[in-house]
């Protein structure tokens, strides 16, 4: 997983360089690529920052490579879609990207939640966090893209984007709840067989 983490981060960096070098191209124009070039690396560093803070309480805490890959992958979808002109050439790609990106970010949160929570708690935590992030994202798009009344047409899909983002986060929350519900059952089964419990991928789950 560590190698995958490195690869997706290199891919995000390369796509940001491409977007900045060919910023005048139609696929990149009027999409605030300069702001993305600043924001995306900072956002990709959030898992590392959270881990660094949490590690001060638990020095043996494993790095959450899985969550880090999921967070970075959401920006890879956005940048790759713009680089390949998928947002403009495929009518449904924007909707797909909003659903998929919030599902990825929700899944990242779901992988680091402390085990033992009730399924409904996991669903609501992941869905609520995903919905909040979707609102923040749409606000950022609004302030970056919509500068004049003539540009309001490009923001008519706001409500749809918010619904898709929330739906993606909800799916991630349901998956995380199912995964946590399944883990104790697998642990009990392993104990019954006399097998040692695997704690190699604890990540941040002991503290979140």
C-alpha atoms as a PDB file:
ATOM      1  CA  UNK A   1       0.000   0.000   0.000  1.00  0.00           C
ATOM      2  CA  UNK A   2       2.929   2.332   0.641  1.00  0.00           C
ATOM      3  CA  UNK A   3       4.039   2.050  -2.988  1.00  0.00           C
ATOM      4  CA  UNK A   4       0.517   2.770  -4.243  1.00  0.00           C
ATOM      5  CA  UNK A   5       0.456   5.827  -1.983  1.00  0.00           C
ATOM      6  CA  UNK A   6       3.662   7.140  -3.549  1.00  0.00           C
ATOM      7  CA  UNK A   7       2.400   6.484  -7.088  1.00  0.00           C
ATOM      8  CA  UNK A   8      -0.925   8.323  -6.655  1.00  0.00           C
ATOM      9  CA  UNK A   9       0.818  11.313  -5.086  1.00  0.00           C
ATOM     10  CA  UNK A  10       3.308  11.497  -7.957  1.00  0.00           C
ATOM     11  CA  UNK A  11       0.385  11.288 -10.395  1.00  0.00           C
ATOM     12  CA  UNK A  12      -1.408  14.181  -8.662  1.00  0.00           C
ATOM     13  CA  UNK A  13       1.765  16.273  -8.734  1.00  0.00           C
ATOM     14  CA  UNK A  14       2.349  15.530 -12.419  1.00  0.00           C
ATOM     15  CA  UNK A  15      -1.228  16.427 -13.353  1.00  0.00           C
ATOM     16  CA  UNK A  16      -0.987  19.711 -11.436  1.00  0.00           C
ATOM     17  CA  UNK A  17       2.178  20.579 -13.351  1.00  0.00           C
ATOM     18  CA  UNK A  18       0.434  19.776 -16.644  1.00  0.00           C
ATOM     19  CA  UNK A  19      -2.548  21.934 -15.662  1.00  0.00           C
ATOM     20  CA  UNK A  20      -0.293  24.878 -14.802  1.00  0.00           C
ATOM     21  CA  UNK A  21       1.868  24.562 -17.919  1.00  0.00           C
ATOM     22  CA  UNK A  22      -1.118  24.305 -20.251  1.00  0.00           C
ATOM     23  CA  UNK A  23      -3.499  26.449 -18.228  1.00  0.00           C
ATOM     24  CA  UNK A  24      -4.705  28.279 -21.327  1.00  0.00           C
ATOM     25  CA  UNK A  25      -6.114  25.088 -22.820  1.00  0.00           C
ATOM     26  CA  UNK A  26      -9.889  24.985 -22.873  1.00  0.00           C
ATOM     27  CA  UNK A  27     -10.023  21.936 -20.604  1.00  0.00           C
ATOM     28  CA  UNK A  28      -8.189  23.839 -17.865  1.00  0.00           C
ATOM     29  CA  UNK A  29      -9.331  27.420 -18.436  1.00  0.00           C
ATOM     30  CA  UNK A  30     -11.727  29.045 -15.940  1.00  0.00           C
ATOM     31  CA  UNK A  31     -11.303  26.142 -13.512  1.00  0.00           C
ATOM     32  CA  UNK A  32      -9.115  27.823 -10.893  1.00  0.00           C
ATOM     33  CA  UNK A  33      -6.164  25.528 -11.517  1.00  0.00           C
ATOM     34  CA  UNK A  34      -3.837  27.934  -9.721  1.00  0.00           C
ATOM     35  CA  UNK A  35      -5.931  27.628  -6.547  1.00  0.00           C
ATOM     36  CA  UNK A  36      -6.068  23.853  -6.952  1.00  0.00           C
ATOM     37  CA  UNK A  37      -2.280  23.727  -7.282  1.00  0.00           C
ATOM     38  CA  UNK A  38      -2.078  25.227  -3.784  1.00  0.00           C
ATOM     39  CA  UNK A  39      -5.061  23.531  -2.151  1.00  0.00           C
ATOM     40  CA  UNK A  40      -4.658  19.967  -3.418  1.00  0.00           C
ATOM     41  CA  UNK A  41      -1.150  19.303  -2.045  1.00  0.00           C
ATOM     42  CA  UNK A  42      -2.224  20.750   1.310  1.00  0.00           C
ATOM     43  CA  UNK A  43      -5.339  18.586   1.384  1.00  0.00           C
ATOM     44  CA  UNK A  44      -3.343  15.517   0.370  1.00  0.00           C
ATOM     45  CA  UNK A  45      -1.146  16.155   3.409  1.00  0.00           C
ATOM     46  CA  UNK A  46      -4.083  16.082   5.847  1.00  0.00           C
ATOM     47  CA  UNK A  47      -3.832  12.315   6.599  1.00  0.00           C
ATOM     48  CA  UNK A  48      -0.121  12.699   7.379  1.00  0.00           C
ATOM     49  CA  UNK A  49      -0.848  15.684   9.622  1.00  0.00           C
ATOM     50  CA  UNK A  50      -3.600  13.880  11.532  1.00  0.00           C
ATOM     51  CA  UNK A  51      -1.352  10.839  11.948  1.00  0.00           C
ATOM     52  CA  UNK A  52       1.519  13.001  13.217  1.00  0.00           C
ATOM     53  CA  UNK A  53      -0.719  14.585  15.874  1.00  0.00           C
ATOM     54  CA  UNK A  54      -2.278  11.256  16.878  1.00  0.00           C
ATOM     55  CA  UNK A  55       1.146   9.611  17.076  1.00  0.00           C
ATOM     56  CA  UNK A  56       2.115  11.942  19.893  1.00  0.00           C
ATOM     57  CA  UNK A  57      -0.479  10.105  21.995  1.00  0.00           C
ATOM     58  CA  UNK A  58       0.257   6.662  20.571  1.00  0.00           C
ATOM     59  CA  UNK A  59       3.894   6.431  19.388  1.00  0.00           C
ATOM     60  CA  UNK A  60       3.392   2.935  17.936  1.00  0.00           C
ATOM     61  CA  UNK A  61       0.516   4.065  15.712  1.00  0.00           C
ATOM     62  CA  UNK A  62       0.835   2.689  12.169  1.00  0.00           C
ATOM     63  CA  UNK A  63       0.645   5.122   9.253  1.00  0.00           C
ATOM     64  CA  UNK A  64      -2.834   4.994   7.590  1.00  0.00           C
ATOM     65  CA  UNK A  65      -1.657   4.363   4.025  1.00  0.00           C
ATOM     66  CA  UNK A  66      -5.085   3.085   2.992  1.00  0.00           C
ATOM     67  CA  UNK A  67      -6.865   6.261   4.087  1.00  0.00           C
ATOM     68  CA  UNK A  68      -4.100   8.381   2.552  1.00  0.00           C
ATOM     69  CA  UNK A  69      -4.478   6.627  -0.822  1.00  0.00           C
ATOM     70  CA  UNK A  70      -8.265   7.134  -0.776  1.00  0.00           C
ATOM     71  CA  UNK A  71      -7.937  10.857  -0.006  1.00  0.00           C
ATOM     72  CA  UNK A  72      -5.334  11.385  -2.733  1.00  0.00           C
ATOM     73  CA  UNK A  73      -7.341   9.318  -5.232  1.00  0.00           C
ATOM     74  CA  UNK A  74     -10.241  11.773  -5.006  1.00  0.00           C
ATOM     75  CA  UNK A  75      -7.996  14.572  -6.288  1.00  0.00           C
ATOM     76  CA  UNK A  76      -6.590  12.226  -8.918  1.00  0.00           C
ATOM     77  CA  UNK A  77     -10.116  11.695 -10.274  1.00  0.00           C
ATOM     78  CA  UNK A  78     -10.698  15.446 -10.502  1.00  0.00           C
ATOM     79  CA  UNK A  79      -7.349  16.303 -12.102  1.00  0.00           C
ATOM     80  CA  UNK A  80      -7.396  13.296 -14.417  1.00  0.00           C
ATOM     81  CA  UNK A  81     -10.912  14.127 -15.541  1.00  0.00           C
ATOM     82  CA  UNK A  82      -9.855  17.655 -16.422  1.00  0.00           C
ATOM     83  CA  UNK A  83      -6.616  16.578 -18.118  1.00  0.00           C
ATOM     84  CA  UNK A  84      -8.500  14.095 -20.308  1.00  0.00           C
ATOM     85  CA  UNK A  85     -11.313  16.607 -20.890  1.00  0.00           C
ATOM     86  CA  UNK A  86     -13.839  14.129 -19.482  1.00  0.00           C
ATOM     87  CA  UNK A  87     -15.861  16.804 -17.683  1.00  0.00           C
ATOM     88  CA  UNK A  88     -16.626  18.550 -20.975  1.00  0.00           C
ATOM     89  CA  UNK A  89     -16.721  15.574 -23.355  1.00  0.00           C
ATOM     90  CA  UNK A  90     -18.774  13.101 -21.276  1.00  0.00           C
ATOM     91  CA  UNK A  91     -22.094  14.453 -20.033  1.00  0.00           C
ATOM     92  CA  UNK A  92     -22.366  12.213 -16.972  1.00  0.00           C
ATOM     93  CA  UNK A  93     -18.745  12.382 -15.821  1.00  0.00           C
ATOM     94  CA  UNK A  94     -19.266  15.398 -13.554  1.00  0.00           C
ATOM     95  CA  UNK A  95     -22.020  13.547 -11.685  1.00  0.00           C
ATOM     96  CA  UNK A  96     -19.859  10.428 -11.487  1.00  0.00           C
ATOM     97  CA  UNK A  97     -16.910  12.423 -10.148  1.00  0.00           C
ATOM     98  CA  UNK A  98     -18.963  14.066  -7.397  1.00  0.00           C
ATOM     99  CA  UNK A  99     -20.375  10.734  -6.267  1.00  0.00           C
ATOM    100  CA  UNK A 100     -17.069   8.871  -6.502  1.00  0.00           C
ATOM    101  CA  UNK A 101     -14.938  11.552  -4.838  1.00  0.00           C
ATOM    102  CA  UNK A 102     -17.107  11.838  -1.733  1.00  0.00           C
ATOM    103  CA  UNK A 103     -17.361   8.051  -1.594  1.00  0.00           C
ATOM    104  CA  UNK A 104     -13.552   7.894  -1.591  1.00  0.00           C
ATOM    105  CA  UNK A 105     -13.219  10.572   1.096  1.00  0.00           C
ATOM    106  CA  UNK A 106     -15.946   8.953   3.182  1.00  0.00           C
ATOM    107  CA  UNK A 107     -14.246   5.589   2.840  1.00  0.00           C
ATOM    108  CA  UNK A 108     -10.984   7.176   4.013  1.00  0.00           C
ATOM    109  CA  UNK A 109     -12.702   8.326   7.193  1.00  0.00           C
ATOM    110  CA  UNK A 110     -14.409   4.976   7.614  1.00  0.00           C
ATOM    111  CA  UNK A 111     -11.107   3.105   7.582  1.00  0.00           C
ATOM    112  CA  UNK A 112      -9.745   5.036  10.578  1.00  0.00           C
ATOM    113  CA  UNK A 113     -12.789   5.111  12.849  1.00  0.00           C
ATOM    114  CA  UNK A 114     -12.281   3.346  16.172  1.00  0.00           C
ATOM    115  CA  UNK A 115     -13.727  -0.195  16.161  1.00  0.00           C
ATOM    116  CA  UNK A 116     -16.675  -0.937  18.420  1.00  0.00           C
ATOM    117  CA  UNK A 117     -18.952   1.882  17.299  1.00  0.00           C
ATOM    118  CA  UNK A 118     -22.568   1.049  16.540  1.00  0.00           C
ATOM    119  CA  UNK A 119     -23.314   0.742  12.795  1.00  0.00           C
ATOM    120  CA  UNK A 120     -25.667   3.733  12.804  1.00  0.00           C
ATOM    121  CA  UNK A 121     -22.961   5.854  14.462  1.00  0.00           C
ATOM    122  CA  UNK A 122     -20.480   4.959  11.712  1.00  0.00           C
ATOM    123  CA  UNK A 123     -23.041   5.703   8.970  1.00  0.00           C
ATOM    124  CA  UNK A 124     -23.936   9.087  10.419  1.00  0.00           C
ATOM    125  CA  UNK A 125     -20.343  10.105  11.149  1.00  0.00           C
ATOM    126  CA  UNK A 126     -19.144   9.287   7.634  1.00  0.00           C
ATOM    127  CA  UNK A 127     -22.247  10.686   5.901  1.00  0.00           C
ATOM    128  CA  UNK A 128     -22.230  13.857   8.001  1.00  0.00           C
ATOM    129  CA  UNK A 129     -18.550  14.503   7.413  1.00  0.00           C
ATOM    130  CA  UNK A 130     -18.955  13.822   3.692  1.00  0.00           C
ATOM    131  CA  UNK A 131     -21.954  16.141   3.422  1.00  0.00           C
ATOM    132  CA  UNK A 132     -20.091  18.907   5.234  1.00  0.00           C
ATOM    133  CA  UNK A 133     -17.090  18.528   2.909  1.00  0.00           C
ATOM    134  CA  UNK A 134     -19.398  18.544  -0.125  1.00  0.00           C
ATOM    135  CA  UNK A 135     -20.922  21.854   1.009  1.00  0.00           C
ATOM    136  CA  UNK A 136     -17.474  23.362   1.581  1.00  0.00           C
ATOM    137  CA  UNK A 137     -16.358  22.181  -1.875  1.00  0.00           C
ATOM    138  CA  UNK A 138     -19.402  23.701  -3.600  1.00  0.00           C
ATOM    139  CA  UNK A 139     -18.811  26.982  -1.747  1.00  0.00           C
ATOM    140  CA  UNK A 140     -15.198  26.964  -2.926  1.00  0.00           C
ATOM    141  CA  UNK A 141     -16.355  26.347  -6.503  1.00  0.00           C
ATOM    142  CA  UNK A 142     -18.864  29.164  -6.208  1.00  0.00           C
ATOM    143  CA  UNK A 143     -16.289  31.692  -5.028  1.00  0.00           C
ATOM    144  CA  UNK A 144     -13.736  30.510  -7.615  1.00  0.00           C
ATOM    145  CA  UNK A 145     -15.903  30.110 -10.722  1.00  0.00           C
ATOM    146  CA  UNK A 146     -18.953  32.315 -10.431  1.00  0.00           C
ATOM    147  CA  UNK A 147     -17.728  35.882 -10.732  1.00  0.00           C
ATOM    148  CA  UNK A 148     -20.430  37.455 -12.901  1.00  0.00           C
ATOM    149  CA  UNK A 149     -24.145  36.989 -13.469  1.00  0.00           C
ATOM    150  CA  UNK A 150     -23.381  35.614 -16.948  1.00  0.00           C
ATOM    151  CA  UNK A 151     -21.507  32.712 -15.349  1.00  0.00           C
ATOM    152  CA  UNK A 152     -24.398  31.556 -13.189  1.00  0.00           C
ATOM    153  CA  UNK A 153     -25.392  28.969 -15.805  1.00  0.00           C
ATOM    154  CA  UNK A 154     -22.353  26.844 -14.893  1.00  0.00           C
ATOM    155  CA  UNK A 155     -23.597  26.609 -11.315  1.00  0.00           C
ATOM    156  CA  UNK A 156     -27.133  25.378 -11.948  1.00  0.00           C
ATOM    157  CA  UNK A 157     -26.158  21.843 -10.966  1.00  0.00           C
ATOM    158  CA  UNK A 158     -25.179  22.806  -7.408  1.00  0.00           C
ATOM    159  CA  UNK A 159     -28.038  20.989  -5.700  1.00  0.00           C
ATOM    160  CA  UNK A 160     -27.434  17.892  -7.800  1.00  0.00           C
ATOM    161  CA  UNK A 161     -23.740  17.950  -6.907  1.00  0.00           C
ATOM    162  CA  UNK A 162     -24.545  18.230  -3.206  1.00  0.00           C
ATOM    163  CA  UNK A 163     -27.002  15.335  -3.420  1.00  0.00           C
ATOM    164  CA  UNK A 164     -24.479  13.168  -5.246  1.00  0.00           C
ATOM    165  CA  UNK A 165     -21.726  14.048  -2.786  1.00  0.00           C
ATOM    166  CA  UNK A 166     -23.972  13.152   0.139  1.00  0.00           C
ATOM    167  CA  UNK A 167     -25.030   9.910  -1.576  1.00  0.00           C
ATOM    168  CA  UNK A 168     -21.402   8.949  -2.099  1.00  0.00           C
ATOM    169  CA  UNK A 169     -20.602   9.649   1.557  1.00  0.00           C
ATOM    170  CA  UNK A 170     -23.670   7.648   2.626  1.00  0.00           C
ATOM    171  CA  UNK A 171     -22.532   4.638   0.598  1.00  0.00           C
ATOM    172  CA  UNK A 172     -19.086   4.910   2.185  1.00  0.00           C
ATOM    173  CA  UNK A 173     -20.700   5.126   5.634  1.00  0.00           C
ATOM    174  CA  UNK A 174     -22.805   2.023   5.029  1.00  0.00           C
ATOM    175  CA  UNK A 175     -19.739   0.152   3.786  1.00  0.00           C
ATOM    176  CA  UNK A 176     -17.693   1.271   6.812  1.00  0.00           C
ATOM    177  CA  UNK A 177     -20.483   0.181   9.190  1.00  0.00           C
ATOM    178  CA  UNK A 178     -20.699  -3.227   7.499  1.00  0.00           C
ATOM    179  CA  UNK A 179     -16.922  -3.587   7.661  1.00  0.00           C
ATOM    180  CA  UNK A 180     -16.813  -2.768  11.380  1.00  0.00           C
ATOM    181  CA  UNK A 181     -19.759  -5.069  12.106  1.00  0.00           C
ATOM    182  CA  UNK A 182     -18.004  -7.864  10.255  1.00  0.00           C
ATOM    183  CA  UNK A 183     -14.635  -7.389  12.009  1.00  0.00           C
ATOM    184  CA  UNK A 184     -15.743  -8.576  15.500  1.00  0.00           C
ATOM    185  CA  UNK A 185     -17.388 -11.622  13.940  1.00  0.00           C
ATOM    186  CA  UNK A 186     -14.144 -12.484  12.141  1.00  0.00           C
ATOM    187  CA  UNK A 187     -12.165 -11.903  15.345  1.00  0.00           C
ATOM    188  CA  UNK A 188     -14.429 -14.242  17.327  1.00  0.00           C
ATOM    189  CA  UNK A 189     -14.145 -16.859  14.597  1.00  0.00           C
ATOM    190  CA  UNK A 190     -10.343 -16.603  14.648  1.00  0.00           C
ATOM    191  CA  UNK A 191     -10.327 -16.884  18.451  1.00  0.00           C
ATOM    192  CA  UNK A 192     -12.473 -19.982  18.248  1.00  0.00           C
ATOM    193  CA  UNK A 193      -9.944 -21.518  15.898  1.00  0.00           C
ATOM    194  CA  UNK A 194      -7.050 -20.522  18.135  1.00  0.00           C
ATOM    195  CA  UNK A 195      -5.652 -18.085  15.569  1.00  0.00           C
ATOM    196  CA  UNK A 196      -3.892 -14.881  16.724  1.00  0.00           C
ATOM    197  CA  UNK A 197      -5.784 -11.667  15.999  1.00  0.00           C
ATOM    198  CA  UNK A 198      -4.189  -9.544  13.292  1.00  0.00           C
ATOM    199  CA  UNK A 199      -3.542  -5.962  14.432  1.00  0.00           C
ATOM    200  CA  UNK A 200      -1.004  -5.020  11.791  1.00  0.00           C
ATOM    201  CA  UNK A 201      -3.219  -2.412  10.158  1.00  0.00           C
ATOM    202  CA  UNK A 202      -4.541  -0.542  13.171  1.00  0.00           C
ATOM    203  CA  UNK A 203      -3.803   2.854  11.631  1.00  0.00           C
ATOM    204  CA  UNK A 204      -5.626   5.683  13.389  1.00  0.00           C
ATOM    205  CA  UNK A 205      -8.546   3.505  14.433  1.00  0.00           C
ATOM    206  CA  UNK A 206      -7.368   3.318  18.046  1.00  0.00           C
ATOM    207  CA  UNK A 207      -7.717   7.078  18.500  1.00  0.00           C
ATOM    208  CA  UNK A 208     -10.478   8.281  16.130  1.00  0.00           C
END
